[in-house]
Amino acid sequence: MRALLVLLLSGGVLSMAQAASVHYVDVVNDSASNVTAVSATRDGLRWEPLAVGYRSLQANSVITLAVQREGGCRRDFRVDFVDGRQMTVQGFDICRNRSLHLGRALARAR
């Protein structure tokens, strides 16, 4: 019984530690195009695909993505649109910002 209790408690501590190592970012697709993929990188070399679901992220919709906190707060996000365009948002601070607005980022990029 004691071993089971220790196992259950250690599992809870591990789950809390894992939750603390993740930031959640609301990706707001305020653009006119659907999004097919979102990836993130810390170093600009290794892009980590983030799950956007089995369908594309529709225009004027929101999805919450889990981003690993390892390696600091700054991330570059690469966004692929259904019409073939690709956008990179550089230096997004996942620790300070809870949402990434794609339409606003596209407007600034022009």
N, C-alpha and C. Protein backbone atom coordinates (compact mmCIF):
# COMPACT_ATOMS: atom_id res chain seq x y z
N MET A 1 0.82 -1.19 0.00
CA MET A 1 0.00 0.00 0.00
C MET A 1 0.87 1.26 0.00
N ARG A 2 1.91 1.24 0.82
CA ARG A 2 2.80 2.39 0.90
C ARG A 2 3.49 2.63 -0.45
N ALA A 3 3.91 1.54 -1.10
CA ALA A 3 4.57 1.67 -2.41
C ALA A 3 3.62 2.27 -3.43
N LEU A 4 2.36 1.87 -3.39
CA LEU A 4 1.36 2.42 -4.31
C LEU A 4 1.17 3.92 -4.05
N LEU A 5 1.11 4.32 -2.80
CA LEU A 5 0.95 5.72 -2.45
C LEU A 5 2.14 6.55 -2.94
N VAL A 6 3.34 6.05 -2.74
CA VAL A 6 4.55 6.74 -3.21
C VAL A 6 4.53 6.85 -4.72
N LEU A 7 4.13 5.79 -5.40
CA LEU A 7 4.06 5.80 -6.86
C LEU A 7 3.05 6.84 -7.34
N LEU A 8 1.88 6.88 -6.72
CA LEU A 8 0.86 7.85 -7.10
C LEU A 8 1.31 9.28 -6.84
N LEU A 9 1.92 9.52 -5.70
CA LEU A 9 2.39 10.87 -5.38
C LEU A 9 3.51 11.30 -6.31
N SER A 10 4.44 10.41 -6.63
CA SER A 10 5.53 10.78 -7.53
C SER A 10 5.01 11.04 -8.93
N GLY A 11 3.98 10.32 -9.33
CA GLY A 11 3.36 10.59 -10.63
C GLY A 11 2.74 11.96 -10.68
N GLY A 12 2.11 12.38 -9.59
CA GLY A 12 1.51 13.71 -9.52
C GLY A 12 2.56 14.81 -9.58
N VAL A 13 3.67 14.61 -8.89
CA VAL A 13 4.76 15.58 -8.91
C VAL A 13 5.34 15.67 -10.31
N LEU A 14 5.52 14.53 -10.97
CA LEU A 14 6.05 14.52 -12.33
C LEU A 14 5.10 15.26 -13.27
N SER A 15 3.81 15.04 -13.13
CA SER A 15 2.84 15.72 -13.98
C SER A 15 2.88 17.23 -13.77
N MET A 16 3.03 17.68 -12.53
CA MET A 16 3.12 19.11 -12.26
C MET A 16 4.40 19.69 -12.86
N ALA A 17 5.50 18.95 -12.79
CA ALA A 17 6.76 19.41 -13.36
C ALA A 17 6.65 19.51 -14.87
N GLN A 18 6.00 18.54 -15.49
CA GLN A 18 5.82 18.59 -16.94
C GLN A 18 4.94 19.77 -17.33
N ALA A 19 3.89 20.02 -16.59
CA ALA A 19 2.99 21.13 -16.89
C ALA A 19 3.71 22.46 -16.77
N ALA A 20 4.63 22.58 -15.82
CA ALA A 20 5.37 23.82 -15.63
C ALA A 20 6.34 24.07 -16.77
N SER A 21 6.71 23.05 -17.52
CA SER A 21 7.68 23.21 -18.60
C SER A 21 7.01 23.50 -19.94
N VAL A 22 5.72 23.77 -19.93
CA VAL A 22 4.97 24.04 -21.15
C VAL A 22 4.28 25.39 -21.04
N HIS A 23 4.32 26.15 -22.13
CA HIS A 23 3.53 27.37 -22.23
C HIS A 23 2.46 27.14 -23.26
N TYR A 24 1.31 27.73 -23.04
CA TYR A 24 0.20 27.61 -23.98
C TYR A 24 0.03 28.93 -24.71
N VAL A 25 -0.01 28.84 -26.03
CA VAL A 25 -0.14 30.02 -26.88
C VAL A 25 -1.41 29.89 -27.70
N ASP A 26 -2.27 30.90 -27.62
CA ASP A 26 -3.46 30.93 -28.47
C ASP A 26 -3.05 31.50 -29.82
N VAL A 27 -3.16 30.69 -30.86
CA VAL A 27 -2.89 31.16 -32.22
C VAL A 27 -4.23 31.61 -32.79
N VAL A 28 -4.34 32.92 -33.01
CA VAL A 28 -5.57 33.53 -33.51
C VAL A 28 -5.40 33.74 -35.00
N ASN A 29 -6.18 33.02 -35.78
CA ASN A 29 -6.09 33.18 -37.23
C ASN A 29 -7.06 34.29 -37.65
N ASP A 30 -6.59 35.52 -37.51
CA ASP A 30 -7.38 36.67 -37.91
C ASP A 30 -7.03 37.10 -39.33
N SER A 31 -6.52 36.15 -40.12
CA SER A 31 -6.24 36.39 -41.53
C SER A 31 -7.40 35.85 -42.36
N ALA A 32 -7.34 36.05 -43.67
CA ALA A 32 -8.40 35.58 -44.56
C ALA A 32 -8.15 34.16 -45.06
N SER A 33 -6.99 33.57 -44.74
CA SER A 33 -6.63 32.24 -45.25
C SER A 33 -6.58 31.21 -44.14
N ASN A 34 -6.91 29.98 -44.48
CA ASN A 34 -6.77 28.88 -43.53
C ASN A 34 -5.30 28.53 -43.34
N VAL A 35 -4.97 28.02 -42.16
CA VAL A 35 -3.60 27.63 -41.82
C VAL A 35 -3.52 26.10 -41.84
N THR A 36 -2.51 25.57 -42.53
CA THR A 36 -2.35 24.12 -42.60
C THR A 36 -1.33 23.59 -41.60
N ALA A 37 -0.37 24.42 -41.17
CA ALA A 37 0.65 23.94 -40.24
C ALA A 37 1.27 25.11 -39.48
N VAL A 38 1.67 24.83 -38.24
CA VAL A 38 2.42 25.78 -37.41
C VAL A 38 3.59 25.01 -36.82
N SER A 39 4.80 25.59 -36.94
CA SER A 39 6.00 24.98 -36.36
C SER A 39 6.71 26.03 -35.52
N ALA A 40 7.52 25.56 -34.56
CA ALA A 40 8.27 26.47 -33.70
C ALA A 40 9.72 26.02 -33.62
N THR A 41 10.61 26.98 -33.39
CA THR A 41 12.03 26.68 -33.21
C THR A 41 12.63 27.62 -32.18
N ARG A 42 13.62 27.13 -31.46
CA ARG A 42 14.38 27.97 -30.53
C ARG A 42 15.62 28.51 -31.21
N ASP A 43 16.19 27.72 -32.11
CA ASP A 43 17.49 28.06 -32.67
C ASP A 43 17.46 28.38 -34.17
N GLY A 44 16.31 28.30 -34.80
CA GLY A 44 16.21 28.57 -36.23
C GLY A 44 16.62 27.41 -37.11
N LEU A 45 17.04 26.31 -36.51
CA LEU A 45 17.51 25.16 -37.28
C LEU A 45 16.55 23.98 -37.22
N ARG A 46 16.10 23.66 -36.03
CA ARG A 46 15.22 22.49 -35.84
C ARG A 46 13.79 22.96 -35.59
N TRP A 47 12.94 22.79 -36.58
CA TRP A 47 11.55 23.20 -36.47
C TRP A 47 10.73 22.06 -35.88
N GLU A 48 9.97 22.36 -34.84
CA GLU A 48 9.11 21.38 -34.17
C GLU A 48 7.66 21.64 -34.60
N PRO A 49 7.04 20.68 -35.30
CA PRO A 49 5.64 20.89 -35.69
C PRO A 49 4.73 20.89 -34.46
N LEU A 50 3.79 21.81 -34.45
CA LEU A 50 2.82 21.90 -33.37
C LEU A 50 1.47 21.44 -33.91
N ALA A 51 0.76 20.68 -33.13
CA ALA A 51 -0.49 20.08 -33.59
C ALA A 51 -1.56 21.14 -33.81
N VAL A 52 -2.10 21.21 -35.02
CA VAL A 52 -3.22 22.10 -35.31
C VAL A 52 -4.50 21.31 -35.54
N GLY A 53 -4.46 20.03 -35.27
CA GLY A 53 -5.64 19.19 -35.43
C GLY A 53 -5.65 18.48 -36.76
N TYR A 54 -6.70 17.76 -36.99
CA TYR A 54 -6.80 16.97 -38.21
C TYR A 54 -7.23 17.81 -39.40
N ARG A 55 -7.75 19.00 -39.16
CA ARG A 55 -8.12 19.92 -40.22
C ARG A 55 -7.24 21.15 -40.13
N SER A 56 -7.34 21.99 -41.14
CA SER A 56 -6.61 23.25 -41.07
C SER A 56 -7.27 24.18 -40.06
N LEU A 57 -6.49 25.15 -39.60
CA LEU A 57 -7.02 26.18 -38.71
C LEU A 57 -7.76 27.19 -39.58
N GLN A 58 -9.06 27.21 -39.46
CA GLN A 58 -9.90 28.04 -40.31
C GLN A 58 -9.64 29.53 -40.05
N ALA A 59 -9.90 30.35 -41.08
CA ALA A 59 -9.82 31.79 -40.91
C ALA A 59 -10.81 32.21 -39.82
N ASN A 60 -10.44 33.21 -39.05
CA ASN A 60 -11.27 33.73 -37.96
C ASN A 60 -11.57 32.69 -36.89
N SER A 61 -10.57 31.89 -36.56
CA SER A 61 -10.72 30.92 -35.47
C SER A 61 -9.45 30.91 -34.63
N VAL A 62 -9.51 30.20 -33.51
CA VAL A 62 -8.41 30.18 -32.54
C VAL A 62 -8.10 28.74 -32.17
N ILE A 63 -6.82 28.46 -31.95
CA ILE A 63 -6.40 27.17 -31.42
C ILE A 63 -5.35 27.43 -30.35
N THR A 64 -5.35 26.64 -29.30
CA THR A 64 -4.35 26.75 -28.25
C THR A 64 -3.30 25.67 -28.46
N LEU A 65 -2.04 26.09 -28.57
CA LEU A 65 -0.93 25.16 -28.81
C LEU A 65 -0.03 25.10 -27.58
N ALA A 66 0.48 23.91 -27.30
CA ALA A 66 1.43 23.71 -26.20
C ALA A 66 2.84 23.84 -26.76
N VAL A 67 3.65 24.72 -26.16
CA VAL A 67 5.02 24.96 -26.60
C VAL A 67 5.96 24.66 -25.44
N GLN A 68 6.94 23.81 -25.67
CA GLN A 68 7.92 23.47 -24.62
C GLN A 68 8.71 24.71 -24.23
N ARG A 69 8.93 24.89 -22.93
CA ARG A 69 9.63 26.07 -22.43
C ARG A 69 11.14 25.90 -22.42
N GLU A 70 11.63 24.70 -22.61
CA GLU A 70 13.08 24.46 -22.58
C GLU A 70 13.80 25.44 -23.50
N GLY A 71 14.92 25.95 -23.04
CA GLY A 71 15.74 26.82 -23.88
C GLY A 71 15.32 28.27 -23.89
N GLY A 72 14.55 28.71 -22.92
CA GLY A 72 14.19 30.12 -22.85
C GLY A 72 12.81 30.42 -23.40
N CYS A 73 12.53 31.70 -23.47
CA CYS A 73 11.17 32.16 -23.81
C CYS A 73 10.98 32.53 -25.27
N ARG A 74 12.02 32.81 -25.99
CA ARG A 74 11.89 33.28 -27.37
C ARG A 74 11.76 32.12 -28.34
N ARG A 75 10.80 32.25 -29.26
CA ARG A 75 10.58 31.25 -30.30
C ARG A 75 10.32 31.95 -31.62
N ASP A 76 10.72 31.30 -32.69
CA ASP A 76 10.29 31.67 -34.02
C ASP A 76 9.16 30.72 -34.38
N PHE A 77 8.10 31.25 -34.98
CA PHE A 77 6.99 30.43 -35.44
C PHE A 77 6.91 30.50 -36.95
N ARG A 78 6.78 29.34 -37.58
CA ARG A 78 6.57 29.27 -39.03
C ARG A 78 5.14 28.82 -39.26
N VAL A 79 4.43 29.57 -40.09
CA VAL A 79 3.02 29.31 -40.35
C VAL A 79 2.85 29.05 -41.84
N ASP A 80 2.21 27.92 -42.17
CA ASP A 80 1.92 27.57 -43.56
C ASP A 80 0.44 27.78 -43.82
N PHE A 81 0.14 28.55 -44.87
CA PHE A 81 -1.24 28.83 -45.23
C PHE A 81 -1.68 27.92 -46.37
N VAL A 82 -2.98 27.68 -46.46
CA VAL A 82 -3.52 26.77 -47.46
C VAL A 82 -3.25 27.26 -48.89
N ASP A 83 -3.09 28.56 -49.08
CA ASP A 83 -2.84 29.10 -50.42
C ASP A 83 -1.36 29.04 -50.81
N GLY A 84 -0.52 28.41 -49.98
CA GLY A 84 0.89 28.22 -50.32
C GLY A 84 1.83 29.23 -49.69
N ARG A 85 1.29 30.30 -49.13
CA ARG A 85 2.16 31.28 -48.47
C ARG A 85 2.73 30.70 -47.18
N GLN A 86 3.90 31.22 -46.81
CA GLN A 86 4.52 30.83 -45.55
C GLN A 86 4.99 32.11 -44.86
N MET A 87 4.79 32.17 -43.56
CA MET A 87 5.19 33.34 -42.79
C MET A 87 6.00 32.88 -41.59
N THR A 88 7.05 33.64 -41.25
CA THR A 88 7.84 33.36 -40.06
C THR A 88 7.72 34.55 -39.11
N VAL A 89 7.30 34.28 -37.90
CA VAL A 89 7.24 35.29 -36.84
C VAL A 89 8.47 35.05 -35.97
N GLN A 90 9.37 36.02 -35.92
CA GLN A 90 10.63 35.83 -35.21
C GLN A 90 10.60 36.45 -33.82
N GLY A 91 11.24 35.75 -32.87
CA GLY A 91 11.44 36.29 -31.53
C GLY A 91 10.19 36.44 -30.69
N PHE A 92 9.18 35.62 -30.92
CA PHE A 92 7.95 35.70 -30.14
C PHE A 92 8.23 35.21 -28.72
N ASP A 93 7.85 35.98 -27.73
CA ASP A 93 8.12 35.66 -26.32
C ASP A 93 6.94 34.86 -25.74
N ILE A 94 7.12 33.55 -25.60
CA ILE A 94 6.04 32.69 -25.10
C ILE A 94 5.80 32.86 -23.61
N CYS A 95 6.74 33.47 -22.90
CA CYS A 95 6.56 33.69 -21.46
C CYS A 95 5.71 34.94 -21.18
N ARG A 96 5.79 35.94 -22.04
CA ARG A 96 5.08 37.20 -21.82
C ARG A 96 3.79 37.32 -22.63
N ASN A 97 3.73 36.63 -23.76
CA ASN A 97 2.58 36.77 -24.66
C ASN A 97 1.76 35.49 -24.69
N ARG A 98 0.48 35.63 -24.49
CA ARG A 98 -0.41 34.46 -24.47
C ARG A 98 -1.02 34.18 -25.84
N SER A 99 -1.02 35.18 -26.76
CA SER A 99 -1.65 34.96 -28.05
C SER A 99 -0.80 35.51 -29.19
N LEU A 100 -0.89 34.82 -30.31
CA LEU A 100 -0.21 35.21 -31.55
C LEU A 100 -1.29 35.43 -32.59
N HIS A 101 -1.41 36.66 -33.08
CA HIS A 101 -2.43 37.03 -34.07
C HIS A 101 -1.80 37.00 -35.46
N LEU A 102 -2.20 36.04 -36.27
CA LEU A 102 -1.57 35.83 -37.57
C LEU A 102 -1.87 36.94 -38.56
N GLY A 103 -3.10 37.44 -38.58
CA GLY A 103 -3.44 38.53 -39.49
C GLY A 103 -2.63 39.79 -39.21
N ARG A 104 -2.48 40.12 -37.94
CA ARG A 104 -1.66 41.28 -37.55
C ARG A 104 -0.21 41.07 -37.96
N ALA A 105 0.30 39.86 -37.76
CA ALA A 105 1.69 39.57 -38.13
C ALA A 105 1.87 39.68 -39.65
N LEU A 106 0.90 39.21 -40.41
CA LEU A 106 0.97 39.33 -41.87
C LEU A 106 0.97 40.80 -42.29
N ALA A 107 0.14 41.61 -41.67
CA ALA A 107 0.07 43.04 -42.00
C ALA A 107 1.39 43.74 -41.71
N ARG A 108 2.05 43.38 -40.61
CA ARG A 108 3.35 43.98 -40.27
C ARG A 108 4.44 43.52 -41.23
N ALA A 109 4.30 42.32 -41.78
CA ALA A 109 5.33 41.77 -42.66
C ALA A 109 5.30 42.41 -44.04
N ARG A 110 4.22 43.05 -44.40
CA ARG A 110 4.10 43.64 -45.75
C ARG A 110 4.79 44.96 -45.84
